[in-house]
């Protein structure tokens, strides 16, 4: 089941005249979390009529940011475990 933000993104893309398959691919396959859908909605509200290429570029940028955040959190957790081992030993 899709989130409200994902559904909102899909409807907004459809309402702006993009192909149905493209809208579904963007909203339900790639921008399917509240974080990514909200970021894409923000982009669409700022840019009035982006080309499909611009939408794809923005989608890739958002996904790249999300991946960087995930990696940062994983590294922070790994560092915390190492610090705990240094303090208390195995």
PDB file of N, CA and C in Angstrom:
ATOM      1  N   UNK A   1       0.843  -1.182   0.000  1.00  0.00           N
ATOM      2  CA  UNK A   1       0.000   0.000   0.000  1.00  0.00           C
ATOM      3  C   UNK A   1       0.891   1.250   0.000  1.00  0.00           C
ATOM      4  N   UNK A   2       0.589   2.172  -0.848  1.00  0.00           N
ATOM      5  CA  UNK A   2       1.378   3.391  -0.995  1.00  0.00           C
ATOM      6  C   UNK A   2       1.010   4.399   0.092  1.00  0.00           C
ATOM      7  N   UNK A   3       1.977   5.231   0.432  1.00  0.00           N
ATOM      8  CA  UNK A   3       1.720   6.273   1.426  1.00  0.00           C
ATOM      9  C   UNK A   3       0.897   7.395   0.790  1.00  0.00           C
ATOM     10  N   UNK A   4       0.359   8.250   1.635  1.00  0.00           N
ATOM     11  CA  UNK A   4      -0.425   9.386   1.146  1.00  0.00           C
ATOM     12  C   UNK A   4       0.430  10.305   0.281  1.00  0.00           C
ATOM     13  N   UNK A   5       1.685  10.502   0.693  1.00  0.00           N
ATOM     14  CA  UNK A   5       2.584  11.377  -0.071  1.00  0.00           C
ATOM     15  C   UNK A   5       2.872  10.802  -1.444  1.00  0.00           C
ATOM     16  N   UNK A   6       3.040   9.491  -1.519  1.00  0.00           N
ATOM     17  CA  UNK A   6       3.301   8.848  -2.807  1.00  0.00           C
ATOM     18  C   UNK A   6       2.086   8.986  -3.718  1.00  0.00           C
ATOM     19  N   UNK A   7       0.909   8.774  -3.161  1.00  0.00           N
ATOM     20  CA  UNK A   7      -0.318   8.958  -3.945  1.00  0.00           C
ATOM     21  C   UNK A   7      -0.464  10.406  -4.407  1.00  0.00           C
ATOM     22  N   UNK A   8      -0.140  11.335  -3.522  1.00  0.00           N
ATOM     23  CA  UNK A   8      -0.208  12.756  -3.874  1.00  0.00           C
ATOM     24  C   UNK A   8       0.755  13.077  -5.023  1.00  0.00           C
ATOM     25  N   UNK A   9       1.948  12.505  -4.956  1.00  0.00           N
ATOM     26  CA  UNK A   9       2.934  12.704  -6.017  1.00  0.00           C
ATOM     27  C   UNK A   9       2.422  12.155  -7.336  1.00  0.00           C
ATOM     28  N   UNK A  10       1.875  10.949  -7.308  1.00  0.00           N
ATOM     29  CA  UNK A  10       1.344  10.322  -8.523  1.00  0.00           C
ATOM     30  C   UNK A  10       0.247  11.190  -9.145  1.00  0.00           C
ATOM     31  N   UNK A  11      -0.675  11.646  -8.326  1.00  0.00           N
ATOM     32  CA  UNK A  11      -1.788  12.460  -8.829  1.00  0.00           C
ATOM     33  C   UNK A  11      -1.299  13.805  -9.379  1.00  0.00           C
ATOM     34  N   UNK A  12      -0.318  14.399  -8.714  1.00  0.00           N
ATOM     35  CA  UNK A  12       0.221  15.674  -9.188  1.00  0.00           C
ATOM     36  C   UNK A  12       0.902  15.486 -10.547  1.00  0.00           C
ATOM     37  N   UNK A  13       1.694  14.437 -10.677  1.00  0.00           N
ATOM     38  CA  UNK A  13       2.358  14.174 -11.960  1.00  0.00           C
ATOM     39  C   UNK A  13       1.336  13.930 -13.066  1.00  0.00           C
ATOM     40  N   UNK A  14       0.311  13.124 -12.767  1.00  0.00           N
ATOM     41  CA  UNK A  14      -0.751  12.892 -13.759  1.00  0.00           C
ATOM     42  C   UNK A  14      -1.455  14.193 -14.127  1.00  0.00           C
ATOM     43  N   UNK A  15      -1.740  14.997 -13.120  1.00  0.00           N
ATOM     44  CA  UNK A  15      -2.429  16.262 -13.345  1.00  0.00           C
ATOM     45  C   UNK A  15      -1.627  17.241 -14.195  1.00  0.00           C
ATOM     46  N   UNK A  16      -0.326  17.078 -14.192  1.00  0.00           N
ATOM     47  CA  UNK A  16       0.523  17.951 -15.013  1.00  0.00           C
ATOM     48  C   UNK A  16       0.727  17.399 -16.419  1.00  0.00           C
ATOM     49  N   UNK A  17       0.097  16.270 -16.712  1.00  0.00           N
ATOM     50  CA  UNK A  17       0.092  15.778 -18.080  1.00  0.00           C
ATOM     51  C   UNK A  17       1.194  14.803 -18.447  1.00  0.00           C
ATOM     52  N   UNK A  18       1.906  14.267 -17.470  1.00  0.00           N
ATOM     53  CA  UNK A  18       2.942  13.288 -17.782  1.00  0.00           C
ATOM     54  C   UNK A  18       2.298  11.931 -18.057  1.00  0.00           C
ATOM     55  N   UNK A  19       2.950  11.084 -18.850  1.00  0.00           N
ATOM     56  CA  UNK A  19       2.378   9.763 -19.165  1.00  0.00           C
ATOM     57  C   UNK A  19       2.123   8.935 -17.903  1.00  0.00           C
ATOM     58  N   UNK A  20       1.036   8.176 -17.937  1.00  0.00           N
ATOM     59  CA  UNK A  20       0.615   7.393 -16.776  1.00  0.00           C
ATOM     60  C   UNK A  20       1.708   6.433 -16.309  1.00  0.00           C
ATOM     61  N   UNK A  21       2.363   5.737 -17.241  1.00  0.00           N
ATOM     62  CA  UNK A  21       3.403   4.769 -16.883  1.00  0.00           C
ATOM     63  C   UNK A  21       4.596   5.474 -16.228  1.00  0.00           C
ATOM     64  N   UNK A  22       4.937   6.642 -16.740  1.00  0.00           N
ATOM     65  CA  UNK A  22       6.026   7.430 -16.182  1.00  0.00           C
ATOM     66  C   UNK A  22       5.688   7.855 -14.753  1.00  0.00           C
ATOM     67  N   UNK A  23       4.473   8.323 -14.546  1.00  0.00           N
ATOM     68  CA  UNK A  23       4.034   8.757 -13.216  1.00  0.00           C
ATOM     69  C   UNK A  23       4.109   7.606 -12.217  1.00  0.00           C
ATOM     70  N   UNK A  24       3.645   6.437 -12.636  1.00  0.00           N
ATOM     71  CA  UNK A  24       3.676   5.267 -11.759  1.00  0.00           C
ATOM     72  C   UNK A  24       5.111   4.867 -11.444  1.00  0.00           C
ATOM     73  N   UNK A  25       5.986   4.921 -12.434  1.00  0.00           N
ATOM     74  CA  UNK A  25       7.390   4.565 -12.225  1.00  0.00           C
ATOM     75  C   UNK A  25       8.049   5.520 -11.225  1.00  0.00           C
ATOM     76  N   UNK A  26       7.821   6.791 -11.401  1.00  0.00           N
ATOM     77  CA  UNK A  26       8.406   7.784 -10.491  1.00  0.00           C
ATOM     78  C   UNK A  26       7.839   7.617  -9.090  1.00  0.00           C
ATOM     79  N   UNK A  27       6.515   7.638  -8.974  1.00  0.00           N
ATOM     80  CA  UNK A  27       5.876   7.683  -7.659  1.00  0.00           C
ATOM     81  C   UNK A  27       5.956   6.352  -6.912  1.00  0.00           C
ATOM     82  N   UNK A  28       5.588   5.269  -7.568  1.00  0.00           N
ATOM     83  CA  UNK A  28       5.428   4.015  -6.847  1.00  0.00           C
ATOM     84  C   UNK A  28       6.666   3.118  -6.852  1.00  0.00           C
ATOM     85  N   UNK A  29       7.563   3.337  -7.784  1.00  0.00           N
ATOM     86  CA  UNK A  29       8.748   2.487  -7.819  1.00  0.00           C
ATOM     87  C   UNK A  29       9.974   3.188  -7.223  1.00  0.00           C
ATOM     88  N   UNK A  30      10.128   4.472  -7.474  1.00  0.00           N
ATOM     89  CA  UNK A  30      11.341   5.164  -7.044  1.00  0.00           C
ATOM     90  C   UNK A  30      11.137   6.123  -5.879  1.00  0.00           C
ATOM     91  N   UNK A  31      10.062   6.863  -5.876  1.00  0.00           N
ATOM     92  CA  UNK A  31       9.808   7.858  -4.827  1.00  0.00           C
ATOM     93  C   UNK A  31       8.732   7.324  -3.881  1.00  0.00           C
ATOM     94  N   UNK A  32       8.919   6.102  -3.397  1.00  0.00           N
ATOM     95  CA  UNK A  32       7.865   5.406  -2.657  1.00  0.00           C
ATOM     96  C   UNK A  32       7.982   5.520  -1.140  1.00  0.00           C
ATOM     97  N   UNK A  33       8.800   6.434  -0.649  1.00  0.00           N
ATOM     98  CA  UNK A  33       8.836   6.706   0.788  1.00  0.00           C
ATOM     99  C   UNK A  33       8.367   8.141   1.013  1.00  0.00           C
ATOM    100  N   UNK A  34       7.935   8.416   2.231  1.00  0.00           N
ATOM    101  CA  UNK A  34       7.487   9.778   2.533  1.00  0.00           C
ATOM    102  C   UNK A  34       8.598  10.792   2.289  1.00  0.00           C
ATOM    103  N   UNK A  35       9.821  10.430   2.659  1.00  0.00           N
ATOM    104  CA  UNK A  35      10.959  11.344   2.493  1.00  0.00           C
ATOM    105  C   UNK A  35      11.172  11.690   1.024  1.00  0.00           C
ATOM    106  N   UNK A  36      11.277  10.673   0.171  1.00  0.00           N
ATOM    107  CA  UNK A  36      11.560  10.944  -1.239  1.00  0.00           C
ATOM    108  C   UNK A  36      10.367  11.596  -1.935  1.00  0.00           C
ATOM    109  N   UNK A  37       9.161  11.148  -1.618  1.00  0.00           N
ATOM    110  CA  UNK A  37       7.969  11.734  -2.241  1.00  0.00           C
ATOM    111  C   UNK A  37       7.825  13.202  -1.840  1.00  0.00           C
ATOM    112  N   UNK A  38       8.081  13.510  -0.573  1.00  0.00           N
ATOM    113  CA  UNK A  38       7.983  14.897  -0.108  1.00  0.00           C
ATOM    114  C   UNK A  38       9.015  15.781  -0.797  1.00  0.00           C
ATOM    115  N   UNK A  39      10.227  15.260  -0.956  1.00  0.00           N
ATOM    116  CA  UNK A  39      11.263  16.036  -1.653  1.00  0.00           C
ATOM    117  C   UNK A  39      10.856  16.297  -3.106  1.00  0.00           C
ATOM    118  N   UNK A  40      10.322  15.285  -3.778  1.00  0.00           N
ATOM    119  CA  UNK A  40       9.906  15.466  -5.177  1.00  0.00           C
ATOM    120  C   UNK A  40       8.719  16.416  -5.259  1.00  0.00           C
ATOM    121  N   UNK A  41       7.794  16.331  -4.327  1.00  0.00           N
ATOM    122  CA  UNK A  41       6.665  17.264  -4.315  1.00  0.00           C
ATOM    123  C   UNK A  41       7.161  18.698  -4.149  1.00  0.00           C
ATOM    124  N   UNK A  42       8.124  18.894  -3.271  1.00  0.00           N
ATOM    125  CA  UNK A  42       8.695  20.224  -3.094  1.00  0.00           C
ATOM    126  C   UNK A  42       9.287  20.752  -4.384  1.00  0.00           C
ATOM    127  N   UNK A  43       9.983  19.886  -5.098  1.00  0.00           N
ATOM    128  CA  UNK A  43      10.558  20.273  -6.395  1.00  0.00           C
ATOM    129  C   UNK A  43       9.448  20.661  -7.369  1.00  0.00           C
ATOM    130  N   UNK A  44       8.410  19.862  -7.431  1.00  0.00           N
ATOM    131  CA  UNK A  44       7.321  20.121  -8.381  1.00  0.00           C
ATOM    132  C   UNK A  44       6.552  21.393  -8.042  1.00  0.00           C
ATOM    133  N   UNK A  45       6.474  21.732  -6.763  1.00  0.00           N
ATOM    134  CA  UNK A  45       5.784  22.968  -6.395  1.00  0.00           C
ATOM    135  C   UNK A  45       6.644  24.197  -6.689  1.00  0.00           C
ATOM    136  N   UNK A  46       7.971  24.025  -6.704  1.00  0.00           N
ATOM    137  CA  UNK A  46       8.874  25.144  -7.019  1.00  0.00           C
ATOM    138  C   UNK A  46       9.035  25.349  -8.520  1.00  0.00           C
ATOM    139  N   UNK A  47       9.065  24.256  -9.280  1.00  0.00           N
ATOM    140  CA  UNK A  47       9.295  24.319 -10.727  1.00  0.00           C
ATOM    141  C   UNK A  47       7.962  24.052 -11.411  1.00  0.00           C
ATOM    142  N   UNK A  48       7.508  24.994 -12.199  1.00  0.00           N
ATOM    143  CA  UNK A  48       6.143  24.917 -12.723  1.00  0.00           C
ATOM    144  C   UNK A  48       5.935  23.840 -13.784  1.00  0.00           C
ATOM    145  N   UNK A  49       6.846  23.694 -14.727  1.00  0.00           N
ATOM    146  CA  UNK A  49       6.611  22.739 -15.810  1.00  0.00           C
ATOM    147  C   UNK A  49       7.930  22.083 -16.248  1.00  0.00           C
ATOM    148  N   UNK A  50       8.500  21.222 -15.390  1.00  0.00           N
ATOM    149  CA  UNK A  50       9.787  20.611 -15.752  1.00  0.00           C
ATOM    150  C   UNK A  50       9.640  19.577 -16.864  1.00  0.00           C
ATOM    151  N   UNK A  51      10.680  19.476 -17.662  1.00  0.00           N
ATOM    152  CA  UNK A  51      10.716  18.432 -18.690  1.00  0.00           C
ATOM    153  C   UNK A  51      10.872  17.074 -18.004  1.00  0.00           C
ATOM    154  N   UNK A  52      10.549  16.012 -18.710  1.00  0.00           N
ATOM    155  CA  UNK A  52      10.705  14.662 -18.161  1.00  0.00           C
ATOM    156  C   UNK A  52      12.161  14.436 -17.756  1.00  0.00           C
ATOM    157  N   UNK A  53      13.094  14.902 -18.571  1.00  0.00           N
ATOM    158  CA  UNK A  53      14.516  14.732 -18.266  1.00  0.00           C
ATOM    159  C   UNK A  53      14.884  15.407 -16.952  1.00  0.00           C
ATOM    160  N   UNK A  54      14.293  16.580 -16.702  1.00  0.00           N
ATOM    161  CA  UNK A  54      14.568  17.294 -15.456  1.00  0.00           C
ATOM    162  C   UNK A  54      13.983  16.556 -14.251  1.00  0.00           C
ATOM    163  N   UNK A  55      12.804  15.967 -14.429  1.00  0.00           N
ATOM    164  CA  UNK A  55      12.202  15.177 -13.352  1.00  0.00           C
ATOM    165  C   UNK A  55      13.072  13.973 -13.008  1.00  0.00           C
ATOM    166  N   UNK A  56      13.558  13.296 -14.032  1.00  0.00           N
ATOM    167  CA  UNK A  56      14.416  12.130 -13.801  1.00  0.00           C
ATOM    168  C   UNK A  56      15.707  12.562 -13.119  1.00  0.00           C
ATOM    169  N   UNK A  57      16.271  13.665 -13.549  1.00  0.00           N
ATOM    170  CA  UNK A  57      17.495  14.170 -12.931  1.00  0.00           C
ATOM    171  C   UNK A  57      17.264  14.493 -11.459  1.00  0.00           C
ATOM    172  N   UNK A  58      16.161  15.143 -11.145  1.00  0.00           N
ATOM    173  CA  UNK A  58      15.839  15.461  -9.750  1.00  0.00           C
ATOM    174  C   UNK A  58      15.607  14.192  -8.942  1.00  0.00           C
ATOM    175  N   UNK A  59      14.928  13.217  -9.534  1.00  0.00           N
ATOM    176  CA  UNK A  59      14.692  11.942  -8.852  1.00  0.00           C
ATOM    177  C   UNK A  59      16.025  11.285  -8.496  1.00  0.00           C
ATOM    178  N   UNK A  60      16.955  11.262  -9.440  1.00  0.00           N
ATOM    179  CA  UNK A  60      18.257  10.653  -9.194  1.00  0.00           C
ATOM    180  C   UNK A  60      19.025  11.397  -8.102  1.00  0.00           C
ATOM    181  N   UNK A  61      18.909  12.718  -8.085  1.00  0.00           N
ATOM    182  CA  UNK A  61      19.570  13.509  -7.049  1.00  0.00           C
ATOM    183  C   UNK A  61      18.982  13.206  -5.672  1.00  0.00           C
ATOM    184  N   UNK A  62      17.672  13.098  -5.600  1.00  0.00           N
ATOM    185  CA  UNK A  62      17.003  12.793  -4.327  1.00  0.00           C
ATOM    186  C   UNK A  62      17.420  11.407  -3.843  1.00  0.00           C
ATOM    187  N   UNK A  63      17.429  10.436  -4.748  1.00  0.00           N
ATOM    188  CA  UNK A  63      17.817   9.074  -4.365  1.00  0.00           C
ATOM    189  C   UNK A  63      19.283   9.023  -3.932  1.00  0.00           C
ATOM    190  N   UNK A  64      20.125   9.795  -4.586  1.00  0.00           N
ATOM    191  CA  UNK A  64      21.532   9.854  -4.208  1.00  0.00           C
ATOM    192  C   UNK A  64      21.692  10.447  -2.804  1.00  0.00           C
ATOM    193  N   UNK A  65      20.946  11.503  -2.512  1.00  0.00           N
ATOM    194  CA  UNK A  65      20.974  12.096  -1.171  1.00  0.00           C
ATOM    195  C   UNK A  65      20.511  11.089  -0.120  1.00  0.00           C
ATOM    196  N   UNK A  66      19.444  10.377  -0.429  1.00  0.00           N
ATOM    197  CA  UNK A  66      18.922   9.383   0.503  1.00  0.00           C
ATOM    198  C   UNK A  66      19.958   8.298   0.767  1.00  0.00           C
ATOM    199  N   UNK A  67      20.619   7.819  -0.282  1.00  0.00           N
ATOM    200  CA  UNK A  67      21.648   6.794  -0.121  1.00  0.00           C
ATOM    201  C   UNK A  67      22.817   7.301   0.715  1.00  0.00           C
ATOM    202  N   UNK A  68      23.188   8.558   0.535  1.00  0.00           N
ATOM    203  CA  UNK A  68      24.277   9.143   1.317  1.00  0.00           C
ATOM    204  C   UNK A  68      23.898   9.225   2.795  1.00  0.00           C
ATOM    205  N   UNK A  69      22.660   9.574   3.087  1.00  0.00           N
ATOM    206  CA  UNK A  69      22.189   9.638   4.470  1.00  0.00           C
ATOM    207  C   UNK A  69      22.207   8.250   5.100  1.00  0.00           C
ATOM    208  N   UNK A  70      21.740   7.255   4.361  1.00  0.00           N
ATOM    209  CA  UNK A  70      21.741   5.879   4.855  1.00  0.00           C
ATOM    210  C   UNK A  70      23.167   5.426   5.147  1.00  0.00           C
ATOM    211  N   UNK A  71      24.078   5.688   4.225  1.00  0.00           N
ATOM    212  CA  UNK A  71      25.467   5.285   4.424  1.00  0.00           C
ATOM    213  C   UNK A  71      26.071   5.990   5.639  1.00  0.00           C
ATOM    214  N   UNK A  72      25.770   7.261   5.805  1.00  0.00           N
ATOM    215  CA  UNK A  72      26.281   8.007   6.958  1.00  0.00           C
ATOM    216  C   UNK A  72      25.788   7.387   8.258  1.00  0.00           C
ATOM    217  N   UNK A  73      24.513   7.034   8.326  1.00  0.00           N
ATOM    218  CA  UNK A  73      23.953   6.413   9.531  1.00  0.00           C
ATOM    219  C   UNK A  73      24.606   5.066   9.807  1.00  0.00           C
ATOM    220  N   UNK A  74      24.854   4.280   8.758  1.00  0.00           N
ATOM    221  CA  UNK A  74      25.511   2.985   8.930  1.00  0.00           C
ATOM    222  C   UNK A  74      26.933   3.162   9.465  1.00  0.00           C
ATOM    223  N   UNK A  75      27.647   4.144   8.933  1.00  0.00           N
ATOM    224  CA  UNK A  75      29.012   4.398   9.395  1.00  0.00           C
ATOM    225  C   UNK A  75      29.030   4.909  10.835  1.00  0.00           C
ATOM    226  N   UNK A  76      28.074   5.741  11.186  1.00  0.00           N
ATOM    227  CA  UNK A  76      27.983   6.226  12.561  1.00  0.00           C
ATOM    228  C   UNK A  76      27.725   5.070  13.524  1.00  0.00           C
ATOM    229  N   UNK A  77      26.859   4.154  13.124  1.00  0.00           N
ATOM    230  CA  UNK A  77      26.571   2.996  13.968  1.00  0.00           C
ATOM    231  C   UNK A  77      27.813   2.120  14.118  1.00  0.00           C
ATOM    232  N   UNK A  78      28.512   1.872  13.018  1.00  0.00           N
ATOM    233  CA  UNK A  78      29.726   1.058  13.074  1.00  0.00           C
ATOM    234  C   UNK A  78      30.766   1.715  13.972  1.00  0.00           C
ATOM    235  N   UNK A  79      30.910   3.020  13.888  1.00  0.00           N
ATOM    236  CA  UNK A  79      31.869   3.721  14.730  1.00  0.00           C
ATOM    237  C   UNK A  79      31.467   3.632  16.194  1.00  0.00           C
ATOM    238  N   UNK A  80      30.186   3.713  16.481  1.00  0.00           N
ATOM    239  CA  UNK A  80      29.709   3.597  17.861  1.00  0.00           C
ATOM    240  C   UNK A  80      30.020   2.206  18.423  1.00  0.00           C
ATOM    241  N   UNK A  81      29.871   1.166  17.623  1.00  0.00           N
ATOM    242  CA  UNK A  81      30.191  -0.188  18.060  1.00  0.00           C
ATOM    243  C   UNK A  81      31.688  -0.314  18.333  1.00  0.00           C
ATOM    244  N   UNK A  82      32.497   0.226  17.449  1.00  0.00           N
ATOM    245  CA  UNK A  82      33.952   0.182  17.651  1.00  0.00           C
ATOM    246  C   UNK A  82      34.337   0.932  18.926  1.00  0.00           C
ATOM    247  N   UNK A  83      33.748   2.097  19.131  1.00  0.00           N
ATOM    248  CA  UNK A  83      34.036   2.865  20.343  1.00  0.00           C
ATOM    249  C   UNK A  83      33.647   2.087  21.599  1.00  0.00           C
ATOM    250  N   UNK A  84      32.537   1.409  21.557  1.00  0.00           N
ATOM    251  CA  UNK A  84      32.090   0.591  22.681  1.00  0.00           C
ATOM    252  C   UNK A  84      33.076  -0.534  22.965  1.00  0.00           C
ATOM    253  N   UNK A  85      33.592  -1.160  21.930  1.00  0.00           N
ATOM    254  CA  UNK A  85      34.587  -2.223  22.087  1.00  0.00           C
ATOM    255  C   UNK A  85      35.862  -1.653  22.690  1.00  0.00           C
ATOM    256  N   UNK A  86      36.297  -0.489  22.240  1.00  0.00           N
ATOM    257  CA  UNK A  86      37.485   0.148  22.810  1.00  0.00           C
ATOM    258  C   UNK A  86      37.312   0.450  24.290  1.00  0.00           C
ATOM    259  N   UNK A  87      36.132   0.918  24.655  1.00  0.00           N
ATOM    260  CA  UNK A  87      35.871   1.265  26.059  1.00  0.00           C
ATOM    261  C   UNK A  87      35.764   0.034  26.957  1.00  0.00           C
ATOM    262  N   UNK A  88      35.019  -0.975  26.488  1.00  0.00           N
ATOM    263  CA  UNK A  88      34.683  -2.103  27.341  1.00  0.00           C
ATOM    264  C   UNK A  88      35.346  -3.428  26.952  1.00  0.00           C
ATOM    265  N   UNK A  89      36.025  -3.455  25.838  1.00  0.00           N
ATOM    266  CA  UNK A  89      36.605  -4.707  25.354  1.00  0.00           C
ATOM    267  C   UNK A  89      35.543  -5.618  24.777  1.00  0.00           C
ATOM    268  N   UNK A  90      36.007  -6.737  24.286  1.00  0.00           N
ATOM    269  CA  UNK A  90      35.066  -7.696  23.697  1.00  0.00           C
ATOM    270  C   UNK A  90      34.331  -8.386  24.805  1.00  0.00           C
TER     271      UNK A  90
END
